[in-house]
Amino acid sequence: MRRGQAELRGGPGAARFVLGVDVGSSVVKCHVYDRGAAVRGSGCRKVESLYPCPGWVELDPEVLWSQFVGVIKEAVQAAGLHMRQIAGLGISTQRATFITWHKRTGKPFHNFISWQDLRSAELVNSWNKSVLLKVIRVIFTVLHFLTRSDRYLAPSFLTFSTKQTSMKLSWVFKNIREAEEAAKRNNCCFGTVDTWLLYRLTKGSVYATDYSNASATGIFDPCTKCWNPILCNFLSIPMSIYPPVKDTSFNFGSTDSEIFGVPIPIMAMVADQQSAMFGECCFHPGDVKLTMGTGGFWNVNTGEHLFASKRDLYPLIGWKIGEEVVYLAEGCMSDIGTSIKWAQDINLFTNVDETEKMAWSIVDSQGVCFVPGFQVSVNDPYLCASFMGLKPSTTRNHLVRAILESVAFRNKQLYDIIVKKVRIPLQTIRADGGVSNNSFVMQMTSDLINKKIEKPANADMSSLGAAFLAGLASGFWTDKEQLKKLRRVEVVFEPQKDSEEYRTAMDTWLQAMKLSLHW
């Protein structure tokens, strides 16, 4: 029997593999990786979002659970492997999407409430205009002035947004009586997607999250590395509902053997953007990662120093492994992949691969601008998505180009903010996510920021990052230096045009953005 056959049949010299699962906003993916970080098998299911009311976005927890288990089984089967050949499982999840459930029965009080959900918009506006919030800002401004401690800088400009978990969780306890009553009796559990999946995978025996997911909720203080009691007190959220916070690369326990036939060690849980950062091997201060998927995210490794900005950029814990804590500064933008998917749904094109050809086929968008539903530098949940500058000569190509240009323009905005506010020399810029496969967006972004951008051979960096973290915890890989040698770059986009050539088009787009505010 050849060695390869023995490995696949799980003989004495059976090969070992790791699983990386990414529960994103659009799809749930699982990849099986070998020691060379090559994908041996994959599984994929489309995430089915629910829209019960205007502005509400939910996920059915049972459907998500079924999809999660399904993609793992599908990937392992596609690789021709047995579950007992899996050395460890790493789980990357969309951030700030959460659920609450009864501690004793395990029954959810509601569906997952997505990070895209806008039900807290009125609550957010009310709080941001409140006298109490103004007083809080003044108090922490004084404390920061007296102490010069970054711990007090972030609260000194505290502003709530609909993307944060905090306001939506406050909404839950104001509107779902069962959750409120259970919390009073210490019977309510809160969890982001990772926490709930871990709870289900272990049949309720393990209840935890990791530092990267906790720091993305807006309720966890990255300075103290604890759930924020002051904020919870202001929002009337009981502290008893939160899970313990563990390292990112860590043995969380094993899956119940009834689920996959054998127990599989759960060796990493990580938030998707931080996972992509790890998958891109952005391990050093100044390393930059650009993800363009459902949303768009710029992340900068700030090393052991927590970055605090007055607006636009958000401090996060990238990962915690033992004594090492790596911080990130993040800027984000909504409606990247969702805008492109919407254009496909209204038949502007049939296949997403057509879009770059359509954009390249014309010299410019003829003054047509696309305004996405959100905008990076303005915290306005009522921004109106729209096309502006339409003419009788406008074609589908102009509309598609305008959509893709809006992605590049927002990339330019965020990059300029990062350069201005993050006082760390920026190193390599590495892109991932589905939209990074679009050469028009990548080239235009490179031109606008006048920097090289690397695109990896495999754009599913969140899955790879989760696998890397699980592999380190299980001993599958030895250290980060080994991981860096496994990176594969497919193409490097270099500036080909002077950014000034885009000035008129970008100025027109910025004007269109202003006209769409506060709709």
Protein backbone atom coordinates (compact mmCIF):
# COMPACT_ATOMS: atom_id res chain seq x y z
CA MET A 1 0.00 0.00 0.00
CA ARG A 2 1.40 3.41 -0.96
CA ARG A 3 2.02 5.90 1.88
CA GLY A 4 -0.59 8.32 0.54
CA GLN A 5 -3.25 5.59 0.65
CA ALA A 6 -2.29 4.71 4.23
CA GLU A 7 -2.60 8.36 5.26
CA LEU A 8 -6.06 8.74 3.78
CA ARG A 9 -7.24 5.52 5.41
CA GLY A 10 -6.04 6.67 8.81
CA GLY A 11 -3.34 4.05 9.25
CA PRO A 12 -0.56 4.17 11.80
CA GLY A 13 1.19 6.99 9.92
CA ALA A 14 -2.05 8.88 9.34
CA ALA A 15 -1.62 12.44 8.12
CA ARG A 16 -2.95 15.19 10.31
CA PHE A 17 -4.95 18.15 9.12
CA VAL A 18 -6.54 21.26 10.59
CA LEU A 19 -9.92 22.80 9.88
CA GLY A 20 -10.53 26.51 9.44
CA VAL A 21 -14.19 27.57 9.50
CA ASP A 22 -15.26 31.10 8.66
CA VAL A 23 -18.81 32.06 9.60
CA GLY A 24 -19.14 35.25 7.57
CA SER A 25 -22.02 37.57 6.79
CA SER A 26 -22.59 36.09 3.33
CA VAL A 27 -21.32 32.51 3.50
CA VAL A 28 -20.14 29.84 5.91
CA LYS A 29 -16.94 28.22 4.63
CA CYS A 30 -14.75 25.40 5.86
CA HIS A 31 -11.34 24.48 4.45
CA VAL A 32 -9.21 21.47 5.33
CA TYR A 33 -5.52 22.44 5.42
CA ASP A 34 -2.46 20.23 5.30
CA ARG A 35 0.94 21.07 6.83
CA GLY A 36 1.85 23.13 3.79
CA ALA A 37 -1.34 25.22 4.31
CA ALA A 38 -2.71 23.84 1.04
CA VAL A 39 -6.48 23.37 0.87
CA ARG A 40 -7.33 19.68 0.63
CA GLY A 41 -11.12 19.98 0.74
CA SER A 42 -13.79 22.65 1.16
CA GLY A 43 -17.43 23.14 2.06
CA CYS A 44 -19.59 26.23 1.61
CA ARG A 45 -23.16 27.28 2.45
CA LYS A 46 -24.88 30.61 1.85
CA VAL A 47 -25.87 32.51 5.00
CA GLU A 48 -29.62 33.09 5.03
CA SER A 49 -30.31 36.49 6.56
CA LEU A 50 -33.80 37.37 7.79
CA TYR A 51 -35.38 40.82 7.50
CA PRO A 52 -38.46 40.76 9.79
CA CYS A 53 -38.83 44.57 9.85
CA PRO A 54 -37.30 47.44 7.88
CA GLY A 55 -33.70 47.86 9.03
CA TRP A 56 -33.69 44.63 11.05
CA VAL A 57 -31.21 41.88 10.10
CA GLU A 58 -31.32 38.51 11.87
CA LEU A 59 -30.03 34.95 11.54
CA ASP A 60 -31.91 31.83 12.55
CA PRO A 61 -29.65 30.08 15.11
CA GLU A 62 -30.79 26.58 14.17
CA VAL A 63 -30.19 27.20 10.46
CA LEU A 64 -26.74 28.62 11.20
CA TRP A 65 -25.91 25.61 13.39
CA SER A 66 -26.99 23.21 10.64
CA GLN A 67 -24.88 25.10 8.09
CA PHE A 68 -21.85 25.10 10.38
CA VAL A 69 -21.96 21.35 10.98
CA GLY A 70 -22.76 20.76 7.32
CA VAL A 71 -19.77 22.61 5.88
CA ILE A 72 -17.36 20.76 8.19
CA LYS A 73 -18.70 17.37 7.14
CA GLU A 74 -18.72 18.45 3.49
CA ALA A 75 -15.11 19.70 3.58
CA VAL A 76 -13.71 16.61 5.32
CA GLN A 77 -15.58 14.35 2.89
CA ALA A 78 -14.34 16.40 -0.10
CA ALA A 79 -10.77 15.93 1.17
CA GLY A 80 -11.30 12.16 1.31
CA LEU A 81 -10.45 12.12 4.99
CA HIS A 82 -11.84 10.74 8.24
CA MET A 83 -12.78 12.99 11.16
CA ARG A 84 -10.17 11.24 13.33
CA GLN A 85 -7.45 12.70 11.08
CA ILE A 86 -8.31 16.25 12.17
CA ALA A 87 -5.77 17.65 14.64
CA GLY A 88 -7.79 20.73 15.52
CA LEU A 89 -10.59 23.11 14.63
CA GLY A 90 -10.26 26.90 14.36
CA ILE A 91 -13.41 29.03 14.21
CA SER A 92 -13.53 32.52 12.71
CA THR A 93 -16.81 34.38 13.03
CA GLN A 94 -18.50 37.61 11.99
CA ARG A 95 -18.22 40.08 14.83
CA ALA A 96 -20.79 41.85 16.99
CA THR A 97 -23.61 39.55 15.84
CA PHE A 98 -25.08 38.13 19.05
CA ILE A 99 -27.77 36.09 20.72
CA THR A 100 -29.03 35.61 24.29
CA TRP A 101 -30.36 32.36 25.70
CA HIS A 102 -31.62 30.75 28.91
CA LYS A 103 -28.74 29.39 30.95
CA ARG A 104 -30.67 26.36 32.21
CA THR A 105 -32.62 25.31 29.11
CA GLY A 106 -30.28 26.59 26.39
CA LYS A 107 -33.30 28.05 24.56
CA PRO A 108 -32.61 31.35 22.70
CA PHE A 109 -34.73 34.37 23.59
CA HIS A 110 -34.48 35.67 20.00
CA ASN A 111 -32.69 35.13 16.71
CA PHE A 112 -29.12 36.29 16.20
CA ILE A 113 -29.15 40.07 15.82
CA SER A 114 -26.68 40.95 13.06
CA TRP A 115 -23.97 43.60 13.19
CA GLN A 116 -25.79 45.07 10.16
CA ASP A 117 -29.05 45.49 12.12
CA LEU A 118 -30.41 49.04 12.59
CA ARG A 119 -33.11 48.51 15.23
CA SER A 120 -31.09 50.54 17.74
CA ALA A 121 -30.83 53.64 15.48
CA GLU A 122 -33.26 55.74 17.55
CA LEU A 123 -31.61 54.64 20.79
CA VAL A 124 -28.19 55.50 19.35
CA ASN A 125 -29.32 58.98 18.28
CA SER A 126 -30.98 59.62 21.64
CA TRP A 127 -27.86 58.64 23.60
CA ASN A 128 -25.46 60.56 21.34
CA LYS A 129 -27.49 63.74 21.93
CA SER A 130 -27.98 63.18 25.66
CA VAL A 131 -26.69 65.43 28.42
CA LEU A 132 -25.44 62.37 30.33
CA LEU A 133 -23.12 61.37 27.48
CA LYS A 134 -21.78 64.92 27.30
CA VAL A 135 -21.04 64.79 31.04
CA ILE A 136 -19.26 61.43 30.63
CA ARG A 137 -17.08 62.88 27.88
CA VAL A 138 -16.14 65.90 30.01
CA ILE A 139 -15.23 63.74 33.01
CA PHE A 140 -12.96 61.47 30.98
CA THR A 141 -11.46 64.42 29.08
CA VAL A 142 -10.38 65.89 32.42
CA LEU A 143 -9.04 62.51 33.60
CA HIS A 144 -7.07 62.11 30.37
CA PHE A 145 -5.67 65.65 30.71
CA LEU A 146 -4.55 64.99 34.27
CA THR A 147 -3.17 61.49 33.78
CA ARG A 148 -2.30 61.38 30.04
CA SER A 149 -3.43 57.77 30.17
CA ASP A 150 -4.87 56.33 26.95
CA ARG A 151 -7.30 54.43 29.15
CA TYR A 152 -9.31 57.65 29.51
CA LEU A 153 -8.92 58.89 25.94
CA ALA A 154 -11.47 56.61 24.26
CA PRO A 155 -14.30 57.36 26.78
CA SER A 156 -13.61 61.10 26.37
CA PHE A 157 -15.07 60.97 22.86
CA LEU A 158 -17.50 58.08 23.40
CA THR A 159 -20.03 57.88 20.58
CA PHE A 160 -22.47 55.05 20.04
CA SER A 161 -23.17 53.49 16.64
CA THR A 162 -25.60 50.93 15.27
CA LYS A 163 -22.71 48.57 14.48
CA GLN A 164 -21.89 48.10 18.16
CA THR A 165 -23.41 45.32 20.20
CA SER A 166 -24.00 47.53 23.24
CA MET A 167 -27.06 49.47 22.05
CA LYS A 168 -28.72 46.44 20.47
CA LEU A 169 -28.19 44.47 23.66
CA SER A 170 -29.75 47.34 25.60
CA TRP A 171 -32.66 47.17 23.13
CA VAL A 172 -33.07 43.44 23.92
CA PHE A 173 -33.49 44.04 27.65
CA LYS A 174 -35.92 46.88 27.01
CA ASN A 175 -38.07 44.92 24.55
CA ILE A 176 -37.79 41.17 25.25
CA ARG A 177 -39.29 40.52 28.65
CA GLU A 178 -38.16 36.87 28.87
CA ALA A 179 -34.53 37.94 28.51
CA GLU A 180 -34.96 40.70 31.09
CA GLU A 181 -36.57 38.35 33.62
CA ALA A 182 -33.94 35.66 33.08
CA ALA A 183 -31.15 38.20 33.56
CA LYS A 184 -32.65 39.28 36.89
CA ARG A 185 -32.46 35.65 38.03
CA ASN A 186 -28.91 35.20 36.69
CA ASN A 187 -30.25 32.81 34.05
CA CYS A 188 -29.37 34.76 30.90
CA CYS A 189 -26.35 34.01 28.71
CA PHE A 190 -24.97 36.43 26.12
CA GLY A 191 -22.86 35.25 23.25
CA THR A 192 -21.45 36.35 19.95
CA VAL A 193 -21.50 33.71 17.19
CA ASP A 194 -18.29 32.04 18.43
CA THR A 195 -19.58 31.67 21.99
CA TRP A 196 -22.87 30.16 20.90
CA LEU A 197 -21.20 27.69 18.50
CA LEU A 198 -18.77 26.62 21.23
CA TYR A 199 -21.70 26.13 23.60
CA ARG A 200 -23.50 23.96 21.04
CA LEU A 201 -20.40 22.02 19.97
CA THR A 202 -19.72 21.02 23.58
CA LYS A 203 -23.38 20.35 24.42
CA GLY A 204 -23.39 23.26 26.88
CA SER A 205 -20.30 22.22 28.82
CA VAL A 206 -18.09 25.13 27.68
CA TYR A 207 -19.17 28.79 27.77
CA ALA A 208 -16.48 31.26 26.67
CA THR A 209 -15.30 33.75 24.07
CA ASP A 210 -11.88 35.05 23.09
CA TYR A 211 -10.29 38.50 23.38
CA SER A 212 -10.62 39.38 19.69
CA ASN A 213 -14.37 38.77 19.62
CA ALA A 214 -14.96 40.42 22.99
CA SER A 215 -13.08 43.58 21.98
CA ALA A 216 -15.26 44.00 18.87
CA THR A 217 -18.53 44.24 20.83
CA GLY A 218 -18.03 47.78 22.13
CA ILE A 219 -18.80 46.46 25.65
CA PHE A 220 -15.32 45.10 26.41
CA ASP A 221 -12.55 47.46 27.52
CA PRO A 222 -9.34 46.59 25.60
CA CYS A 223 -7.28 48.57 28.14
CA THR A 224 -8.37 46.63 31.21
CA LYS A 225 -9.20 43.49 29.17
CA CYS A 226 -12.51 43.19 31.03
CA TRP A 227 -16.19 43.68 30.30
CA ASN A 228 -16.92 47.34 30.94
CA PRO A 229 -18.98 47.69 34.16
CA ILE A 230 -19.39 51.48 33.82
CA LEU A 231 -20.88 51.24 30.33
CA CYS A 232 -23.12 48.34 31.32
CA ASN A 233 -24.38 50.30 34.31
CA PHE A 234 -25.26 53.29 32.09
CA LEU A 235 -27.11 51.03 29.62
CA SER A 236 -28.77 48.89 32.32
CA ILE A 237 -27.14 45.70 31.06
CA PRO A 238 -26.47 43.15 33.83
CA MET A 239 -22.81 42.06 34.14
CA SER A 240 -23.87 38.51 34.95
CA ILE A 241 -24.69 37.70 31.31
CA TYR A 242 -21.14 37.76 29.89
CA PRO A 243 -18.93 34.73 29.18
CA PRO A 244 -15.36 34.25 30.45
CA VAL A 245 -12.73 35.54 27.99
CA LYS A 246 -9.93 33.18 26.92
CA ASP A 247 -6.84 33.35 24.72
CA THR A 248 -7.42 33.31 20.96
CA SER A 249 -5.18 30.30 20.32
CA PHE A 250 -6.28 28.02 23.14
CA ASN A 251 -7.67 24.56 23.87
CA PHE A 252 -11.37 25.33 24.38
CA GLY A 253 -12.26 21.63 24.74
CA SER A 254 -13.54 19.13 22.19
CA THR A 255 -16.71 18.76 20.19
CA ASP A 256 -19.22 16.26 21.53
CA SER A 257 -18.53 12.93 19.81
CA GLU A 258 -22.17 12.61 18.70
CA ILE A 259 -21.80 15.57 16.32
CA PHE A 260 -18.97 14.35 14.07
CA GLY A 261 -18.56 10.75 15.24
CA VAL A 262 -15.34 11.52 17.14
CA PRO A 263 -14.35 14.44 19.40
CA ILE A 264 -12.48 17.18 17.53
CA PRO A 265 -10.30 19.58 19.58
CA ILE A 266 -11.47 23.20 19.35
CA MET A 267 -8.13 25.01 19.35
CA ALA A 268 -8.94 28.58 18.32
CA MET A 269 -11.77 31.09 18.27
CA VAL A 270 -11.19 34.43 16.60
CA ALA A 271 -13.10 37.37 15.12
CA ASP A 272 -13.09 37.37 11.32
CA GLN A 273 -11.07 40.54 10.65
CA GLN A 274 -8.46 39.67 13.26
CA SER A 275 -8.35 36.16 11.80
CA ALA A 276 -7.73 37.53 8.30
CA MET A 277 -4.95 39.68 9.77
CA PHE A 278 -3.33 36.56 11.24
CA GLY A 279 -3.86 34.60 8.02
CA GLU A 280 -2.09 37.37 6.08
CA CYS A 281 0.83 37.03 8.55
CA CYS A 282 0.56 40.70 9.53
CA PHE A 283 2.52 39.99 12.70
CA HIS A 284 4.59 43.19 12.95
CA PRO A 285 3.72 46.78 13.91
CA GLY A 286 2.84 48.76 10.79
CA ASP A 287 1.60 45.73 8.82
CA VAL A 288 -1.68 46.59 7.09
CA LYS A 289 -4.53 44.33 6.03
CA LEU A 290 -7.38 45.36 3.72
CA THR A 291 -10.41 43.08 3.63
CA MET A 292 -13.12 43.67 1.06
CA GLY A 293 -16.02 41.30 1.59
CA THR A 294 -19.56 42.08 2.68
CA GLY A 295 -18.02 45.13 4.34
CA GLY A 296 -14.61 46.70 4.01
CA PHE A 297 -11.99 46.79 6.79
CA TRP A 298 -8.55 48.37 7.09
CA ASN A 299 -6.54 46.97 10.00
CA VAL A 300 -3.14 48.17 11.20
CA ASN A 301 -0.99 46.18 13.61
CA THR A 302 -0.04 48.61 16.41
CA GLY A 303 1.91 45.98 18.35
CA GLU A 304 1.71 46.07 22.14
CA HIS A 305 0.41 49.65 22.13
CA LEU A 306 -3.33 50.31 22.22
CA PHE A 307 -4.23 52.95 19.67
CA ALA A 308 -6.89 55.47 20.64
CA SER A 309 -8.40 57.90 18.12
CA LYS A 310 -11.05 60.57 18.48
CA ARG A 311 -13.05 59.19 15.57
CA ASP A 312 -12.93 57.04 12.43
CA LEU A 313 -10.54 54.39 13.78
CA TYR A 314 -11.37 51.85 16.45
CA PRO A 315 -8.93 50.11 18.85
CA LEU A 316 -9.17 46.32 18.97
CA ILE A 317 -7.36 43.36 20.43
CA GLY A 318 -6.00 41.45 17.45
CA TRP A 319 -5.20 38.27 19.35
CA LYS A 320 -3.90 37.07 22.68
CA ILE A 321 -1.59 34.07 22.77
CA GLY A 322 -0.14 33.42 26.21
CA GLU A 323 1.56 36.61 27.36
CA GLU A 324 1.48 38.19 23.90
CA VAL A 325 -1.31 40.70 23.27
CA VAL A 326 -1.37 42.35 19.84
CA TYR A 327 -3.51 45.44 19.27
CA LEU A 328 -5.01 46.72 16.03
CA ALA A 329 -6.45 50.01 14.81
CA GLU A 330 -9.41 49.49 12.51
CA GLY A 331 -11.37 51.58 10.06
CA CYS A 332 -14.44 50.10 8.45
CA MET A 333 -16.96 50.74 5.69
CA SER A 334 -20.24 48.99 4.97
CA ASP A 335 -21.86 47.92 1.75
CA ILE A 336 -18.92 46.63 -0.30
CA GLY A 337 -19.94 43.13 -1.32
CA THR A 338 -23.59 43.90 -0.56
CA SER A 339 -23.62 46.72 -3.12
CA ILE A 340 -22.15 44.46 -5.79
CA LYS A 341 -24.60 41.68 -4.92
CA TRP A 342 -27.49 44.17 -5.13
CA ALA A 343 -26.33 45.23 -8.60
CA GLN A 344 -26.33 41.58 -9.64
CA ASP A 345 -29.82 41.07 -8.20
CA ILE A 346 -31.22 43.90 -10.36
CA ASN A 347 -29.52 42.38 -13.42
CA LEU A 348 -26.79 44.94 -14.04
CA PHE A 349 -24.64 41.88 -14.72
CA THR A 350 -24.99 38.09 -14.58
CA ASN A 351 -21.69 36.97 -13.08
CA VAL A 352 -19.56 39.02 -10.67
CA ASP A 353 -16.48 38.24 -12.79
CA GLU A 354 -17.97 40.44 -15.53
CA THR A 355 -17.76 43.61 -13.44
CA GLU A 356 -14.07 44.34 -13.88
CA LYS A 357 -14.36 43.88 -17.67
CA MET A 358 -17.37 46.22 -17.73
CA ALA A 359 -15.47 48.85 -15.74
CA TRP A 360 -12.32 48.59 -17.86
CA SER A 361 -14.36 48.83 -21.09
CA ILE A 362 -15.07 52.57 -20.61
CA VAL A 363 -12.80 55.53 -19.92
CA ASP A 364 -14.79 56.82 -16.94
CA SER A 365 -18.24 56.69 -15.34
CA GLN A 366 -19.43 59.78 -17.28
CA GLY A 367 -19.95 61.63 -14.00
CA VAL A 368 -22.21 58.92 -12.55
CA CYS A 369 -21.65 58.41 -8.80
CA PHE A 370 -22.83 55.59 -6.58
CA VAL A 371 -23.45 56.40 -2.93
CA PRO A 372 -23.40 53.32 -0.69
CA GLY A 373 -25.73 53.02 2.29
CA PHE A 374 -23.01 54.03 4.79
CA GLN A 375 -19.92 56.18 4.68
CA VAL A 376 -16.74 55.74 6.63
CA SER A 377 -16.20 59.20 8.14
CA VAL A 378 -19.80 60.05 8.95
CA ASN A 379 -21.69 58.14 11.60
CA ASP A 380 -25.05 58.49 9.89
CA PRO A 381 -27.32 55.41 9.84
CA TYR A 382 -29.75 57.37 7.66
CA LEU A 383 -27.34 57.89 4.74
CA CYS A 384 -29.24 57.22 1.51
CA ALA A 385 -27.88 54.76 -1.05
CA SER A 386 -28.29 56.26 -4.52
CA PHE A 387 -27.02 56.81 -8.04
CA MET A 388 -26.39 60.44 -9.01
CA GLY A 389 -25.43 62.06 -12.30
CA LEU A 390 -27.53 59.77 -14.50
CA LYS A 391 -27.86 60.78 -18.15
CA PRO A 392 -29.66 59.44 -21.25
CA SER A 393 -26.26 58.06 -22.34
CA THR A 394 -25.69 56.16 -19.08
CA THR A 395 -25.24 52.42 -19.62
CA ARG A 396 -24.90 49.40 -17.35
CA ASN A 397 -21.13 49.71 -17.70
CA HIS A 398 -21.24 53.24 -16.25
CA LEU A 399 -23.38 52.09 -13.32
CA VAL A 400 -21.13 49.13 -12.54
CA ARG A 401 -17.99 51.27 -12.82
CA ALA A 402 -19.54 53.84 -10.46
CA ILE A 403 -20.18 51.10 -7.87
CA LEU A 404 -16.60 49.82 -8.09
CA GLU A 405 -15.19 53.36 -7.99
CA SER A 406 -17.09 54.00 -4.75
CA VAL A 407 -15.17 51.11 -3.15
CA ALA A 408 -11.81 52.54 -4.25
CA PHE A 409 -12.73 56.07 -3.15
CA ARG A 410 -13.67 54.88 0.33
CA ASN A 411 -10.43 52.89 0.49
CA LYS A 412 -8.59 56.13 -0.24
CA GLN A 413 -10.51 57.94 2.51
CA LEU A 414 -9.66 55.33 5.11
CA TYR A 415 -6.03 55.06 4.07
CA ASP A 416 -5.58 58.83 4.41
CA ILE A 417 -7.12 58.71 7.90
CA ILE A 418 -4.76 55.89 8.89
CA VAL A 419 -1.69 57.72 7.59
CA LYS A 420 -2.72 60.88 9.47
CA LYS A 421 -3.65 59.31 12.80
CA VAL A 422 -1.62 56.11 13.24
CA ARG A 423 1.88 57.31 14.04
CA ILE A 424 3.54 54.06 13.00
CA PRO A 425 5.41 53.67 9.69
CA LEU A 426 3.15 51.56 7.48
CA GLN A 427 4.71 48.42 6.05
CA THR A 428 3.20 45.94 3.61
CA ILE A 429 -0.46 46.24 2.54
CA ARG A 430 -2.16 42.89 1.99
CA ALA A 431 -5.67 42.49 0.62
CA ASP A 432 -8.18 39.66 0.94
CA GLY A 433 -11.90 39.00 0.69
CA GLY A 434 -14.05 38.31 -2.36
CA VAL A 435 -13.84 41.84 -3.80
CA SER A 436 -10.01 41.65 -3.76
CA ASN A 437 -10.43 39.35 -6.79
CA ASN A 438 -11.64 42.40 -8.75
CA SER A 439 -8.60 43.81 -10.58
CA PHE A 440 -10.31 47.15 -11.30
CA VAL A 441 -10.92 47.89 -7.60
CA MET A 442 -7.44 46.70 -6.64
CA GLN A 443 -5.63 48.71 -9.32
CA MET A 444 -7.63 51.88 -8.69
CA THR A 445 -7.01 51.59 -4.94
CA SER A 446 -3.27 51.13 -5.54
CA ASP A 447 -3.27 54.22 -7.80
CA LEU A 448 -5.20 56.35 -5.29
CA ILE A 449 -3.02 55.52 -2.27
CA ASN A 450 0.20 55.27 -4.33
CA LYS A 451 1.20 52.01 -2.64
CA LYS A 452 1.82 48.40 -3.64
CA ILE A 453 -0.93 45.99 -2.56
CA GLU A 454 -0.33 42.26 -2.27
CA LYS A 455 -3.11 39.79 -3.02
CA PRO A 456 -2.69 36.24 -1.71
CA ALA A 457 -3.22 33.12 -3.81
CA ASN A 458 -6.13 32.21 -1.53
CA ALA A 459 -8.46 35.10 -0.67
CA ASP A 460 -10.15 33.20 2.21
CA MET A 461 -7.83 34.60 4.85
CA SER A 462 -10.28 34.36 7.75
CA SER A 463 -10.43 30.57 7.36
CA LEU A 464 -6.64 30.34 7.04
CA GLY A 465 -6.07 32.58 10.06
CA ALA A 466 -8.35 30.41 12.20
CA ALA A 467 -6.49 27.31 10.98
CA PHE A 468 -3.10 28.91 11.71
CA LEU A 469 -4.17 29.77 15.26
CA ALA A 470 -5.59 26.28 15.82
CA GLY A 471 -2.44 24.74 14.36
CA LEU A 472 -0.20 26.69 16.73
CA ALA A 473 -2.26 25.65 19.76
CA SER A 474 -2.24 21.97 18.74
CA GLY A 475 1.45 21.83 17.77
CA PHE A 476 0.53 21.25 14.12
CA TRP A 477 2.75 24.25 13.29
CA THR A 478 5.59 25.40 15.51
CA ASP A 479 5.70 29.20 15.34
CA LYS A 480 4.90 32.31 13.31
CA GLU A 481 8.15 32.10 11.36
CA GLN A 482 6.98 28.78 9.95
CA LEU A 483 3.61 30.32 9.06
CA LYS A 484 5.26 33.20 7.18
CA LYS A 485 7.05 30.67 4.95
CA LEU A 486 3.67 29.19 4.01
CA ARG A 487 2.31 32.50 2.59
CA ARG A 488 1.68 32.57 -1.14
CA VAL A 489 1.25 35.87 -3.03
CA GLU A 490 -0.65 35.62 -6.31
CA VAL A 491 -0.24 39.16 -7.62
CA VAL A 492 1.13 42.54 -6.54
CA PHE A 493 -0.74 45.64 -7.72
CA GLU A 494 1.54 48.62 -8.23
CA PRO A 495 0.51 52.25 -8.88
CA GLN A 496 0.11 52.93 -12.61
CA LYS A 497 -1.60 56.35 -12.55
CA ASP A 498 -1.03 59.51 -10.57
CA SER A 499 -3.75 59.89 -7.95
CA GLU A 500 -4.35 63.45 -9.22
CA GLU A 501 -5.93 61.94 -12.34
CA TYR A 502 -8.83 60.83 -10.13
CA ARG A 503 -9.27 64.12 -8.28
CA THR A 504 -12.23 65.42 -10.33
CA ALA A 505 -14.08 62.09 -10.12
CA MET A 506 -13.48 61.79 -6.38
CA ASP A 507 -14.53 65.38 -5.70
CA THR A 508 -17.78 64.72 -7.58
CA TRP A 509 -18.32 61.55 -5.55
CA LEU A 510 -17.70 63.39 -2.27
CA GLN A 511 -20.31 65.97 -3.28
CA ALA A 512 -22.79 63.17 -3.99
CA MET A 513 -22.06 61.74 -0.53
CA LYS A 514 -22.87 65.06 1.14
CA LEU A 515 -26.19 65.30 -0.70
CA SER A 516 -27.19 61.85 0.61
CA LEU A 517 -26.66 62.49 4.33
CA HIS A 518 -29.52 62.47 6.86
CA TRP A 519 -32.05 61.20 4.31
